[in-house]
Amino acid sequence: MIFDKIFRRRRGALLVCLGLAILFVLSAAPGDISYAKGRIMREEWKVPNFYPRGFDGYGKIEVIERNRIVVDDSAFEFSRHVQFATPRDRNAGIYDFSVGDTVAFLLNEKREIVSLWYIEFR
């Protein structure tokens, strides 16, 4: 009986704290990122019409090699038929990208990059 009384009082406080924690986390989420259909698109990106409407990831290139790339401390392999694109060339090559460039990418089910897109800012 005493346990029930204590639990009822604590349950109310626990629910209030949980609600405040959820409110805090949701208000801290950045507002300039769109997650349309699980894909990412930032408002300040200047992308041409032939770019996809969302990407699986983005960041700055730290290492780029023939078969792999490191973007923001995450290493990815290129798929066998990877495509590269820039705002001026939808059929660009790997040599159009260099360390420090901001890029976005699409992944396949093996988590390999199937397309790499150069990102410009407004």
PDB file of N, CA and C in Angstrom:
ATOM      1  N   MET A   1       0.803  -1.177   0.000  1.00  0.00           N
ATOM      2  CA  MET A   1       0.000   0.000   0.000  1.00  0.00           C
ATOM      3  C   MET A   1       0.862   1.265   0.000  1.00  0.00           C
ATOM      4  N   ILE A   2       1.867   1.294   0.832  1.00  0.00           N
ATOM      5  CA  ILE A   2       2.774   2.441   0.855  1.00  0.00           C
ATOM      6  C   ILE A   2       3.535   2.527  -0.467  1.00  0.00           C
ATOM      7  N   PHE A   3       3.925   1.354  -1.002  1.00  0.00           N
ATOM      8  CA  PHE A   3       4.634   1.330  -2.292  1.00  0.00           C
ATOM      9  C   PHE A   3       3.776   1.925  -3.403  1.00  0.00           C
ATOM     10  N   ASP A   4       2.491   1.603  -3.435  1.00  0.00           N
ATOM     11  CA  ASP A   4       1.578   2.142  -4.442  1.00  0.00           C
ATOM     12  C   ASP A   4       1.471   3.660  -4.341  1.00  0.00           C
ATOM     13  N   LYS A   5       1.418   4.173  -3.129  1.00  0.00           N
ATOM     14  CA  LYS A   5       1.315   5.614  -2.913  1.00  0.00           C
ATOM     15  C   LYS A   5       2.568   6.336  -3.435  1.00  0.00           C
ATOM     16  N   ILE A   6       3.740   5.789  -3.138  1.00  0.00           N
ATOM     17  CA  ILE A   6       5.009   6.369  -3.593  1.00  0.00           C
ATOM     18  C   ILE A   6       5.108   6.287  -5.116  1.00  0.00           C
ATOM     19  N   PHE A   7       4.713   5.142  -5.657  1.00  0.00           N
ATOM     20  CA  PHE A   7       4.814   4.942  -7.111  1.00  0.00           C
ATOM     21  C   PHE A   7       3.929   5.927  -7.862  1.00  0.00           C
ATOM     22  N   ARG A   8       2.723   6.181  -7.361  1.00  0.00           N
ATOM     23  CA  ARG A   8       1.808   7.120  -8.025  1.00  0.00           C
ATOM     24  C   ARG A   8       2.400   8.527  -8.052  1.00  0.00           C
ATOM     25  N   ARG A   9       2.991   8.941  -6.942  1.00  0.00           N
ATOM     26  CA  ARG A   9       3.603  10.270  -6.898  1.00  0.00           C
ATOM     27  C   ARG A   9       4.783  10.357  -7.861  1.00  0.00           C
ATOM     28  N   ARG A  10       5.615   9.356  -7.874  1.00  0.00           N
ATOM     29  CA  ARG A  10       6.807   9.353  -8.734  1.00  0.00           C
ATOM     30  C   ARG A  10       6.436   9.211 -10.208  1.00  0.00           C
ATOM     31  N   ARG A  11       5.387   8.468 -10.512  1.00  0.00           N
ATOM     32  CA  ARG A  11       4.986   8.258 -11.905  1.00  0.00           C
ATOM     33  C   ARG A  11       4.614   9.590 -12.553  1.00  0.00           C
ATOM     34  N   GLY A  12       3.911  10.432 -11.834  1.00  0.00           N
ATOM     35  CA  GLY A  12       3.546  11.740 -12.374  1.00  0.00           C
ATOM     36  C   GLY A  12       4.774  12.585 -12.671  1.00  0.00           C
ATOM     37  N   ALA A  13       5.728  12.598 -11.732  1.00  0.00           N
ATOM     38  CA  ALA A  13       6.965  13.358 -11.938  1.00  0.00           C
ATOM     39  C   ALA A  13       7.771  12.777 -13.097  1.00  0.00           C
ATOM     40  N   LEU A  14       7.785  11.453 -13.195  1.00  0.00           N
ATOM     41  CA  LEU A  14       8.508  10.801 -14.286  1.00  0.00           C
ATOM     42  C   LEU A  14       7.908  11.158 -15.639  1.00  0.00           C
ATOM     43  N   LEU A  15       6.591  11.169 -15.739  1.00  0.00           N
ATOM     44  CA  LEU A  15       5.935  11.525 -16.998  1.00  0.00           C
ATOM     45  C   LEU A  15       6.197  12.976 -17.379  1.00  0.00           C
ATOM     46  N   VAL A  16       6.196  13.866 -16.420  1.00  0.00           N
ATOM     47  CA  VAL A  16       6.490  15.279 -16.693  1.00  0.00           C
ATOM     48  C   VAL A  16       7.930  15.425 -17.198  1.00  0.00           C
ATOM     49  N   CYS A  17       8.871  14.787 -16.525  1.00  0.00           N
ATOM     50  CA  CYS A  17      10.279  14.858 -16.950  1.00  0.00           C
ATOM     51  C   CYS A  17      10.475  14.262 -18.332  1.00  0.00           C
ATOM     52  N   LEU A  18       9.823  13.146 -18.605  1.00  0.00           N
ATOM     53  CA  LEU A  18       9.928  12.517 -19.920  1.00  0.00           C
ATOM     54  C   LEU A  18       9.361  13.417 -21.007  1.00  0.00           C
ATOM     55  N   GLY A  19       8.229  14.040 -20.738  1.00  0.00           N
ATOM     56  CA  GLY A  19       7.632  14.974 -21.699  1.00  0.00           C
ATOM     57  C   GLY A  19       8.533  16.169 -21.976  1.00  0.00           C
ATOM     58  N   LEU A  20       9.133  16.725 -20.934  1.00  0.00           N
ATOM     59  CA  LEU A  20      10.053  17.852 -21.112  1.00  0.00           C
ATOM     60  C   LEU A  20      11.297  17.438 -21.891  1.00  0.00           C
ATOM     61  N   ALA A  21      11.805  16.245 -21.635  1.00  0.00           N
ATOM     62  CA  ALA A  21      12.975  15.759 -22.362  1.00  0.00           C
ATOM     63  C   ALA A  21      12.664  15.595 -23.849  1.00  0.00           C
ATOM     64  N   ILE A  22      11.506  15.060 -24.181  1.00  0.00           N
ATOM     65  CA  ILE A  22      11.109  14.900 -25.583  1.00  0.00           C
ATOM     66  C   ILE A  22      10.957  16.266 -26.244  1.00  0.00           C
ATOM     67  N   LEU A  23      10.330  17.204 -25.556  1.00  0.00           N
ATOM     68  CA  LEU A  23      10.169  18.556 -26.089  1.00  0.00           C
ATOM     69  C   LEU A  23      11.522  19.208 -26.350  1.00  0.00           C
ATOM     70  N   PHE A  24      12.461  19.050 -25.434  1.00  0.00           N
ATOM     71  CA  PHE A  24      13.796  19.618 -25.596  1.00  0.00           C
ATOM     72  C   PHE A  24      14.515  19.018 -26.801  1.00  0.00           C
ATOM     73  N   VAL A  25      14.473  17.716 -26.969  1.00  0.00           N
ATOM     74  CA  VAL A  25      15.148  17.053 -28.082  1.00  0.00           C
ATOM     75  C   VAL A  25      14.548  17.494 -29.409  1.00  0.00           C
ATOM     76  N   LEU A  26      13.240  17.572 -29.504  1.00  0.00           N
ATOM     77  CA  LEU A  26      12.607  17.981 -30.751  1.00  0.00           C
ATOM     78  C   LEU A  26      12.881  19.440 -31.092  1.00  0.00           C
ATOM     79  N   SER A  27      12.985  20.301 -30.099  1.00  0.00           N
ATOM     80  CA  SER A  27      13.258  21.710 -30.372  1.00  0.00           C
ATOM     81  C   SER A  27      14.715  21.952 -30.739  1.00  0.00           C
ATOM     82  N   ALA A  28      15.602  21.036 -30.403  1.00  0.00           N
ATOM     83  CA  ALA A  28      17.020  21.197 -30.718  1.00  0.00           C
ATOM     84  C   ALA A  28      17.370  20.693 -32.112  1.00  0.00           C
ATOM     85  N   ALA A  29      16.460  20.038 -32.801  1.00  0.00           N
ATOM     86  CA  ALA A  29      16.732  19.523 -34.152  1.00  0.00           C
ATOM     87  C   ALA A  29      16.895  20.689 -35.113  1.00  0.00           C
ATOM     88  N   PRO A  30      17.886  20.638 -36.018  1.00  0.00           N
ATOM     89  CA  PRO A  30      18.095  21.734 -36.968  1.00  0.00           C
ATOM     90  C   PRO A  30      16.916  21.860 -37.924  1.00  0.00           C
ATOM     91  N   GLY A  31      16.539  23.083 -38.216  1.00  0.00           N
ATOM     92  CA  GLY A  31      15.384  23.319 -39.069  1.00  0.00           C
ATOM     93  C   GLY A  31      15.696  23.462 -40.532  1.00  0.00           C
ATOM     94  N   ASP A  32      16.951  23.486 -40.923  1.00  0.00           N
ATOM     95  CA  ASP A  32      17.289  23.710 -42.323  1.00  0.00           C
ATOM     96  C   ASP A  32      17.557  22.417 -43.087  1.00  0.00           C
ATOM     97  N   ILE A  33      17.178  21.283 -42.533  1.00  0.00           N
ATOM     98  CA  ILE A  33      17.359  20.007 -43.206  1.00  0.00           C
ATOM     99  C   ILE A  33      15.995  19.403 -43.454  1.00  0.00           C
ATOM    100  N   SER A  34      15.767  18.951 -44.668  1.00  0.00           N
ATOM    101  CA  SER A  34      14.526  18.276 -45.006  1.00  0.00           C
ATOM    102  C   SER A  34      14.800  16.791 -45.138  1.00  0.00           C
ATOM    103  N   TYR A  35      13.958  15.972 -44.522  1.00  0.00           N
ATOM    104  CA  TYR A  35      14.099  14.523 -44.616  1.00  0.00           C
ATOM    105  C   TYR A  35      12.951  13.946 -45.435  1.00  0.00           C
ATOM    106  N   ALA A  36      12.815  14.390 -46.665  1.00  0.00           N
ATOM    107  CA  ALA A  36      11.755  13.894 -47.527  1.00  0.00           C
ATOM    108  C   ALA A  36      12.037  12.450 -47.911  1.00  0.00           C
ATOM    109  N   LYS A  37      11.089  11.577 -47.600  1.00  0.00           N
ATOM    110  CA  LYS A  37      11.205  10.148 -47.901  1.00  0.00           C
ATOM    111  C   LYS A  37      12.498   9.560 -47.353  1.00  0.00           C
ATOM    112  N   GLY A  38      12.953  10.032 -46.192  1.00  0.00           N
ATOM    113  CA  GLY A  38      14.150   9.484 -45.574  1.00  0.00           C
ATOM    114  C   GLY A  38      15.442   9.994 -46.173  1.00  0.00           C
ATOM    115  N   ARG A  39      15.368  10.931 -47.082  1.00  0.00           N
ATOM    116  CA  ARG A  39      16.561  11.478 -47.728  1.00  0.00           C
ATOM    117  C   ARG A  39      16.793  12.900 -47.254  1.00  0.00           C
ATOM    118  N   ILE A  40      18.028  13.359 -47.381  1.00  0.00           N
ATOM    119  CA  ILE A  40      18.436  14.661 -46.854  1.00  0.00           C
ATOM    120  C   ILE A  40      18.549  15.684 -47.976  1.00  0.00           C
ATOM    121  N   MET A  41      18.027  16.906 -47.723  1.00  0.00           N
ATOM    122  CA  MET A  41      18.205  18.031 -48.646  1.00  0.00           C
ATOM    123  C   MET A  41      18.263  19.284 -47.793  1.00  0.00           C
ATOM    124  N   ARG A  42      19.358  20.030 -47.893  1.00  0.00           N
ATOM    125  CA  ARG A  42      19.508  21.255 -47.092  1.00  0.00           C
ATOM    126  C   ARG A  42      19.026  22.451 -47.915  1.00  0.00           C
ATOM    127  N   GLU A  43      18.446  23.420 -47.219  1.00  0.00           N
ATOM    128  CA  GLU A  43      17.875  24.587 -47.882  1.00  0.00           C
ATOM    129  C   GLU A  43      18.920  25.461 -48.563  1.00  0.00           C
ATOM    130  N   GLU A  44      20.119  25.545 -48.008  1.00  0.00           N
ATOM    131  CA  GLU A  44      21.114  26.462 -48.566  1.00  0.00           C
ATOM    132  C   GLU A  44      21.882  25.878 -49.754  1.00  0.00           C
ATOM    133  N   TRP A  45      21.572  24.654 -50.141  1.00  0.00           N
ATOM    134  CA  TRP A  45      22.245  24.053 -51.292  1.00  0.00           C
ATOM    135  C   TRP A  45      21.676  24.618 -52.585  1.00  0.00           C
ATOM    136  N   LYS A  46      22.569  24.908 -53.494  1.00  0.00           N
ATOM    137  CA  LYS A  46      22.179  25.373 -54.823  1.00  0.00           C
ATOM    138  C   LYS A  46      22.371  24.190 -55.766  1.00  0.00           C
ATOM    139  N   VAL A  47      21.282  23.501 -56.092  1.00  0.00           N
ATOM    140  CA  VAL A  47      21.384  22.311 -56.942  1.00  0.00           C
ATOM    141  C   VAL A  47      20.545  22.501 -58.198  1.00  0.00           C
ATOM    142  N   PRO A  48      21.053  22.022 -59.340  1.00  0.00           N
ATOM    143  CA  PRO A  48      20.281  22.116 -60.585  1.00  0.00           C
ATOM    144  C   PRO A  48      19.110  21.128 -60.598  1.00  0.00           C
ATOM    145  N   ASN A  49      18.245  21.259 -61.580  1.00  0.00           N
ATOM    146  CA  ASN A  49      17.044  20.429 -61.669  1.00  0.00           C
ATOM    147  C   ASN A  49      17.338  18.947 -61.871  1.00  0.00           C
ATOM    148  N   PHE A  50      18.486  18.588 -62.463  1.00  0.00           N
ATOM    149  CA  PHE A  50      18.758  17.175 -62.696  1.00  0.00           C
ATOM    150  C   PHE A  50      19.319  16.453 -61.465  1.00  0.00           C
ATOM    151  N   TYR A  51      19.559  17.178 -60.382  1.00  0.00           N
ATOM    152  CA  TYR A  51      19.987  16.548 -59.130  1.00  0.00           C
ATOM    153  C   TYR A  51      18.789  15.842 -58.480  1.00  0.00           C
ATOM    154  N   PRO A  52      19.038  14.798 -57.696  1.00  0.00           N
ATOM    155  CA  PRO A  52      17.937  14.151 -56.975  1.00  0.00           C
ATOM    156  C   PRO A  52      17.323  15.097 -55.949  1.00  0.00           C
ATOM    157  N   ARG A  53      16.122  14.840 -55.537  1.00  0.00           N
ATOM    158  CA  ARG A  53      15.435  15.677 -54.544  1.00  0.00           C
ATOM    159  C   ARG A  53      15.842  15.337 -53.117  1.00  0.00           C
ATOM    160  N   GLY A  54      16.773  14.427 -52.937  1.00  0.00           N
ATOM    161  CA  GLY A  54      17.266  14.085 -51.613  1.00  0.00           C
ATOM    162  C   GLY A  54      18.438  13.126 -51.720  1.00  0.00           C
ATOM    163  N   PHE A  55      19.233  13.051 -50.649  1.00  0.00           N
ATOM    164  CA  PHE A  55      20.440  12.227 -50.655  1.00  0.00           C
ATOM    165  C   PHE A  55      20.483  11.362 -49.396  1.00  0.00           C
ATOM    166  N   ASP A  56      21.283  10.306 -49.448  1.00  0.00           N
ATOM    167  CA  ASP A  56      21.453   9.419 -48.297  1.00  0.00           C
ATOM    168  C   ASP A  56      22.470   9.968 -47.303  1.00  0.00           C
ATOM    169  N   GLY A  57      23.332  10.866 -47.734  1.00  0.00           N
ATOM    170  CA  GLY A  57      24.327  11.456 -46.856  1.00  0.00           C
ATOM    171  C   GLY A  57      25.053  12.594 -47.549  1.00  0.00           C
ATOM    172  N   TYR A  58      25.808  13.355 -46.770  1.00  0.00           N
ATOM    173  CA  TYR A  58      26.580  14.458 -47.328  1.00  0.00           C
ATOM    174  C   TYR A  58      27.716  14.804 -46.381  1.00  0.00           C
ATOM    175  N   GLY A  59      28.663  15.602 -46.871  1.00  0.00           N
ATOM    176  CA  GLY A  59      29.767  16.060 -46.043  1.00  0.00           C
ATOM    177  C   GLY A  59      30.934  16.502 -46.897  1.00  0.00           C
ATOM    178  N   LYS A  60      32.054  16.750 -46.240  1.00  0.00           N
ATOM    179  CA  LYS A  60      33.280  17.175 -46.942  1.00  0.00           C
ATOM    180  C   LYS A  60      34.157  15.958 -47.213  1.00  0.00           C
ATOM    181  N   ILE A  61      34.757  15.946 -48.380  1.00  0.00           N
ATOM    182  CA  ILE A  61      35.658  14.864 -48.763  1.00  0.00           C
ATOM    183  C   ILE A  61      36.952  15.009 -47.979  1.00  0.00           C
ATOM    184  N   GLU A  62      37.360  13.939 -47.310  1.00  0.00           N
ATOM    185  CA  GLU A  62      38.636  13.914 -46.597  1.00  0.00           C
ATOM    186  C   GLU A  62      39.677  13.121 -47.384  1.00  0.00           C
ATOM    187  N   VAL A  63      39.248  12.036 -48.034  1.00  0.00           N
ATOM    188  CA  VAL A  63      40.122  11.214 -48.874  1.00  0.00           C
ATOM    189  C   VAL A  63      39.291  10.755 -50.056  1.00  0.00           C
ATOM    190  N   ILE A  64      39.861  10.832 -51.259  1.00  0.00           N
ATOM    191  CA  ILE A  64      39.179  10.281 -52.426  1.00  0.00           C
ATOM    192  C   ILE A  64      40.194   9.484 -53.239  1.00  0.00           C
ATOM    193  N   GLU A  65      39.841   8.247 -53.487  1.00  0.00           N
ATOM    194  CA  GLU A  65      40.684   7.337 -54.263  1.00  0.00           C
ATOM    195  C   GLU A  65      39.831   6.684 -55.339  1.00  0.00           C
ATOM    196  N   ARG A  66      40.451   5.858 -56.149  1.00  0.00           N
ATOM    197  CA  ARG A  66      39.750   5.239 -57.275  1.00  0.00           C
ATOM    198  C   ARG A  66      38.568   4.377 -56.831  1.00  0.00           C
ATOM    199  N   ASN A  67      38.698   3.647 -55.741  1.00  0.00           N
ATOM    200  CA  ASN A  67      37.660   2.708 -55.315  1.00  0.00           C
ATOM    201  C   ASN A  67      36.945   3.077 -54.025  1.00  0.00           C
ATOM    202  N   ARG A  68      37.402   4.140 -53.348  1.00  0.00           N
ATOM    203  CA  ARG A  68      36.777   4.485 -52.070  1.00  0.00           C
ATOM    204  C   ARG A  68      36.870   5.979 -51.812  1.00  0.00           C
ATOM    205  N   ILE A  69      36.093   6.406 -50.820  1.00  0.00           N
ATOM    206  CA  ILE A  69      36.069   7.814 -50.433  1.00  0.00           C
ATOM    207  C   ILE A  69      35.811   7.892 -48.930  1.00  0.00           C
ATOM    208  N   VAL A  70      36.364   8.911 -48.294  1.00  0.00           N
ATOM    209  CA  VAL A  70      36.074   9.188 -46.886  1.00  0.00           C
ATOM    210  C   VAL A  70      35.398  10.548 -46.835  1.00  0.00           C
ATOM    211  N   VAL A  71      34.163  10.559 -46.304  1.00  0.00           N
ATOM    212  CA  VAL A  71      33.368  11.781 -46.185  1.00  0.00           C
ATOM    213  C   VAL A  71      33.039  11.968 -44.709  1.00  0.00           C
ATOM    214  N   ASP A  72      33.536  13.060 -44.128  1.00  0.00           N
ATOM    215  CA  ASP A  72      33.292  13.358 -42.700  1.00  0.00           C
ATOM    216  C   ASP A  72      33.547  12.141 -41.808  1.00  0.00           C
ATOM    217  N   ASP A  73      34.729  11.575 -41.894  1.00  0.00           N
ATOM    218  CA  ASP A  73      35.167  10.450 -41.058  1.00  0.00           C
ATOM    219  C   ASP A  73      34.433   9.138 -41.329  1.00  0.00           C
ATOM    220  N   SER A  74      33.659   9.054 -42.400  1.00  0.00           N
ATOM    221  CA  SER A  74      32.982   7.806 -42.761  1.00  0.00           C
ATOM    222  C   SER A  74      33.522   7.327 -44.100  1.00  0.00           C
ATOM    223  N   ALA A  75      34.019   6.086 -44.126  1.00  0.00           N
ATOM    224  CA  ALA A  75      34.590   5.522 -45.347  1.00  0.00           C
ATOM    225  C   ALA A  75      33.514   4.767 -46.116  1.00  0.00           C
ATOM    226  N   PHE A  76      33.515   4.943 -47.431  1.00  0.00           N
ATOM    227  CA  PHE A  76      32.581   4.262 -48.314  1.00  0.00           C
ATOM    228  C   PHE A  76      33.338   3.721 -49.519  1.00  0.00           C
ATOM    229  N   GLU A  77      32.878   2.588 -50.006  1.00  0.00           N
ATOM    230  CA  GLU A  77      33.376   2.045 -51.266  1.00  0.00           C
ATOM    231  C   GLU A  77      32.482   2.576 -52.382  1.00  0.00           C
ATOM    232  N   PHE A  78      33.047   2.724 -53.583  1.00  0.00           N
ATOM    233  CA  PHE A  78      32.243   3.058 -54.746  1.00  0.00           C
ATOM    234  C   PHE A  78      31.668   1.774 -55.325  1.00  0.00           C
ATOM    235  N   SER A  79      30.453   1.835 -55.830  1.00  0.00           N
ATOM    236  CA  SER A  79      29.890   0.679 -56.517  1.00  0.00           C
ATOM    237  C   SER A  79      30.601   0.532 -57.869  1.00  0.00           C
ATOM    238  N   ARG A  80      30.377  -0.594 -58.519  1.00  0.00           N
ATOM    239  CA  ARG A  80      31.058  -0.847 -59.805  1.00  0.00           C
ATOM    240  C   ARG A  80      30.658   0.166 -60.877  1.00  0.00           C
ATOM    241  N   HIS A  81      29.433   0.675 -60.793  1.00  0.00           N
ATOM    242  CA  HIS A  81      28.924   1.591 -61.829  1.00  0.00           C
ATOM    243  C   HIS A  81      28.585   2.948 -61.225  1.00  0.00           C
ATOM    244  N   VAL A  82      29.518   3.497 -60.450  1.00  0.00           N
ATOM    245  CA  VAL A  82      29.287   4.772 -59.779  1.00  0.00           C
ATOM    246  C   VAL A  82      29.188   5.899 -60.811  1.00  0.00           C
ATOM    247  N   GLN A  83      28.320   6.865 -60.522  1.00  0.00           N
ATOM    248  CA  GLN A  83      28.158   8.039 -61.370  1.00  0.00           C
ATOM    249  C   GLN A  83      28.568   9.275 -60.576  1.00  0.00           C
ATOM    250  N   PHE A  84      29.193  10.212 -61.276  1.00  0.00           N
ATOM    251  CA  PHE A  84      29.626  11.468 -60.664  1.00  0.00           C
ATOM    252  C   PHE A  84      28.914  12.606 -61.383  1.00  0.00           C
ATOM    253  N   ALA A  85      28.554  13.649 -60.636  1.00  0.00           N
ATOM    254  CA  ALA A  85      27.884  14.792 -61.253  1.00  0.00           C
ATOM    255  C   ALA A  85      28.270  16.073 -60.532  1.00  0.00           C
ATOM    256  N   THR A  86      28.378  17.133 -61.312  1.00  0.00           N
ATOM    257  CA  THR A  86      28.588  18.478 -60.788  1.00  0.00           C
ATOM    258  C   THR A  86      27.441  19.344 -61.311  1.00  0.00           C
ATOM    259  N   PRO A  87      27.255  20.540 -60.774  1.00  0.00           N
ATOM    260  CA  PRO A  87      26.163  21.388 -61.271  1.00  0.00           C
ATOM    261  C   PRO A  87      26.283  21.724 -62.760  1.00  0.00           C
ATOM    262  N   ARG A  88      27.478  21.666 -63.323  1.00  0.00           N
ATOM    263  CA  ARG A  88      27.661  21.988 -64.730  1.00  0.00           C
ATOM    264  C   ARG A  88      27.795  20.775 -65.642  1.00  0.00           C
ATOM    265  N   ASP A  89      27.949  19.587 -65.046  1.00  0.00           N
ATOM    266  CA  ASP A  89      28.167  18.377 -65.848  1.00  0.00           C
ATOM    267  C   ASP A  89      27.525  17.178 -65.160  1.00  0.00           C
ATOM    268  N   ARG A  90      26.434  16.685 -65.738  1.00  0.00           N
ATOM    269  CA  ARG A  90      25.751  15.545 -65.121  1.00  0.00           C
ATOM    270  C   ARG A  90      26.498  14.236 -65.339  1.00  0.00           C
ATOM    271  N   ASN A  91      27.515  14.237 -66.205  1.00  0.00           N
ATOM    272  CA  ASN A  91      28.343  13.054 -66.450  1.00  0.00           C
ATOM    273  C   ASN A  91      29.802  13.354 -66.150  1.00  0.00           C
ATOM    274  N   ALA A  92      30.059  13.877 -64.967  1.00  0.00           N
ATOM    275  CA  ALA A  92      31.424  14.235 -64.564  1.00  0.00           C
ATOM    276  C   ALA A  92      32.212  12.975 -64.230  1.00  0.00           C
ATOM    277  N   GLY A  93      33.481  13.159 -63.896  1.00  0.00           N
ATOM    278  CA  GLY A  93      34.341  12.049 -63.509  1.00  0.00           C
ATOM    279  C   GLY A  93      34.894  12.240 -62.113  1.00  0.00           C
ATOM    280  N   ILE A  94      35.590  11.258 -61.645  1.00  0.00           N
ATOM    281  CA  ILE A  94      36.156  11.301 -60.295  1.00  0.00           C
ATOM    282  C   ILE A  94      37.165  12.442 -60.152  1.00  0.00           C
ATOM    283  N   TYR A  95      37.801  12.818 -61.251  1.00  0.00           N
ATOM    284  CA  TYR A  95      38.824  13.871 -61.184  1.00  0.00           C
ATOM    285  C   TYR A  95      38.228  15.275 -61.061  1.00  0.00           C
ATOM    286  N   ASP A  96      36.905  15.388 -61.136  1.00  0.00           N
ATOM    287  CA  ASP A  96      36.239  16.667 -60.907  1.00  0.00           C
ATOM    288  C   ASP A  96      36.021  16.934 -59.418  1.00  0.00           C
ATOM    289  N   PHE A  97      36.408  15.977 -58.569  1.00  0.00           N
ATOM    290  CA  PHE A  97      36.241  16.093 -57.126  1.00  0.00           C
ATOM    291  C   PHE A  97      37.605  16.074 -56.457  1.00  0.00           C
ATOM    292  N   SER A  98      37.717  16.823 -55.363  1.00  0.00           N
ATOM    293  CA  SER A  98      38.988  16.845 -54.637  1.00  0.00           C
ATOM    294  C   SER A  98      38.731  16.979 -53.135  1.00  0.00           C
ATOM    295  N   VAL A  99      39.780  16.792 -52.363  1.00  0.00           N
ATOM    296  CA  VAL A  99      39.684  16.884 -50.906  1.00  0.00           C
ATOM    297  C   VAL A  99      39.187  18.274 -50.526  1.00  0.00           C
ATOM    298  N   GLY A 100      38.231  18.319 -49.603  1.00  0.00           N
ATOM    299  CA  GLY A 100      37.668  19.591 -49.144  1.00  0.00           C
ATOM    300  C   GLY A 100      36.360  19.961 -49.817  1.00  0.00           C
ATOM    301  N   ASP A 101      36.007  19.313 -50.933  1.00  0.00           N
ATOM    302  CA  ASP A 101      34.740  19.592 -51.606  1.00  0.00           C
ATOM    303  C   ASP A 101      33.575  19.084 -50.771  1.00  0.00           C
ATOM    304  N   THR A 102      32.472  19.813 -50.807  1.00  0.00           N
ATOM    305  CA  THR A 102      31.246  19.336 -50.174  1.00  0.00           C
ATOM    306  C   THR A 102      30.483  18.509 -51.197  1.00  0.00           C
ATOM    307  N   VAL A 103      30.101  17.308 -50.794  1.00  0.00           N
ATOM    308  CA  VAL A 103      29.410  16.393 -51.694  1.00  0.00           C
ATOM    309  C   VAL A 103      28.207  15.773 -50.983  1.00  0.00           C
ATOM    310  N   ALA A 104      27.294  15.271 -51.792  1.00  0.00           N
ATOM    311  CA  ALA A 104      26.180  14.463 -51.296  1.00  0.00           C
ATOM    312  C   ALA A 104      26.203  13.175 -52.102  1.00  0.00           C
ATOM    313  N   PHE A 105      25.611  12.117 -51.545  1.00  0.00           N
ATOM    314  CA  PHE A 105      25.704  10.834 -52.233  1.00  0.00           C
ATOM    315  C   PHE A 105      24.464   9.984 -52.015  1.00  0.00           C
ATOM    316  N   LEU A 106      24.295   9.021 -52.913  1.00  0.00           N
ATOM    317  CA  LEU A 106      23.253   8.008 -52.811  1.00  0.00           C
ATOM    318  C   LEU A 106      23.922   6.655 -52.620  1.00  0.00           C
ATOM    319  N   LEU A 107      23.328   5.824 -51.781  1.00  0.00           N
ATOM    320  CA  LEU A 107      23.888   4.510 -51.463  1.00  0.00           C
ATOM    321  C   LEU A 107      22.994   3.399 -52.007  1.00  0.00           C
ATOM    322  N   ASN A 108      23.609   2.234 -52.251  1.00  0.00           N
ATOM    323  CA  ASN A 108      22.822   1.049 -52.593  1.00  0.00           C
ATOM    324  C   ASN A 108      22.613   0.214 -51.334  1.00  0.00           C
ATOM    325  N   GLU A 109      22.022  -0.964 -51.482  1.00  0.00           N
ATOM    326  CA  GLU A 109      21.732  -1.811 -50.321  1.00  0.00           C
ATOM    327  C   GLU A 109      22.987  -2.347 -49.648  1.00  0.00           C
ATOM    328  N   LYS A 110      24.125  -2.339 -50.352  1.00  0.00           N
ATOM    329  CA  LYS A 110      25.395  -2.779 -49.763  1.00  0.00           C
ATOM    330  C   LYS A 110      26.139  -1.626 -49.088  1.00  0.00           C
ATOM    331  N   ARG A 111      25.507  -0.456 -49.021  1.00  0.00           N
ATOM    332  CA  ARG A 111      26.102   0.764 -48.471  1.00  0.00           C
ATOM    333  C   ARG A 111      27.306   1.227 -49.278  1.00  0.00           C
ATOM    334  N   GLU A 112      27.261   0.980 -50.595  1.00  0.00           N
ATOM    335  CA  GLU A 112      28.264   1.494 -51.520  1.00  0.00           C
ATOM    336  C   GLU A 112      27.689   2.743 -52.187  1.00  0.00           C
ATOM    337  N   ILE A 113      28.558   3.677 -52.515  1.00  0.00           N
ATOM    338  CA  ILE A 113      28.106   4.899 -53.183  1.00  0.00           C
ATOM    339  C   ILE A 113      27.821   4.587 -54.651  1.00  0.00           C
ATOM    340  N   VAL A 114      26.588   4.873 -55.084  1.00  0.00           N
ATOM    341  CA  VAL A 114      26.211   4.664 -56.480  1.00  0.00           C
ATOM    342  C   VAL A 114      26.256   5.973 -57.265  1.00  0.00           C
ATOM    343  N   SER A 115      26.159   7.107 -56.553  1.00  0.00           N
ATOM    344  CA  SER A 115      26.319   8.391 -57.233  1.00  0.00           C
ATOM    345  C   SER A 115      26.831   9.432 -56.246  1.00  0.00           C
ATOM    346  N   LEU A 116      27.729  10.270 -56.740  1.00  0.00           N
ATOM    347  CA  LEU A 116      28.352  11.326 -55.942  1.00  0.00           C
ATOM    348  C   LEU A 116      28.070  12.651 -56.620  1.00  0.00           C
ATOM    349  N   TRP A 117      27.565  13.612 -55.848  1.00  0.00           N
ATOM    350  CA  TRP A 117      27.090  14.885 -56.382  1.00  0.00           C
ATOM    351  C   TRP A 117      27.821  16.038 -55.704  1.00  0.00           C
ATOM    352  N   TYR A 118      28.417  16.924 -56.498  1.00  0.00           N
ATOM    353  CA  TYR A 118      29.094  18.114 -55.980  1.00  0.00           C
ATOM    354  C   TYR A 118      28.034  19.110 -55.512  1.00  0.00           C
ATOM    355  N   ILE A 119      28.243  19.689 -54.328  1.00  0.00           N
ATOM    356  CA  ILE A 119      27.263  20.613 -53.759  1.00  0.00           C
ATOM    357  C   ILE A 119      27.838  22.028 -53.715  1.00  0.00           C
ATOM    358  N   GLU A 120      27.040  22.976 -54.225  1.00  0.00           N
ATOM    359  CA  GLU A 120      27.365  24.393 -54.114  1.00  0.00           C
ATOM    360  C   GLU A 120      26.371  25.034 -53.144  1.00  0.00           C
ATOM    361  N   PHE A 121      26.792  26.126 -52.516  1.00  0.00           N
ATOM    362  CA  PHE A 121      25.939  26.832 -51.565  1.00  0.00           C
ATOM    363  C   PHE A 121      25.460  28.132 -52.172  1.00  0.00           C
ATOM    364  N   ARG A 122      24.280  28.575 -51.745  1.00  0.00           N
ATOM    365  CA  ARG A 122      23.691  29.846 -52.250  1.00  0.00           C
ATOM    366  C   ARG A 122      24.423  31.027 -51.706  1.00  0.00           C
TER     367      ARG A 122
END
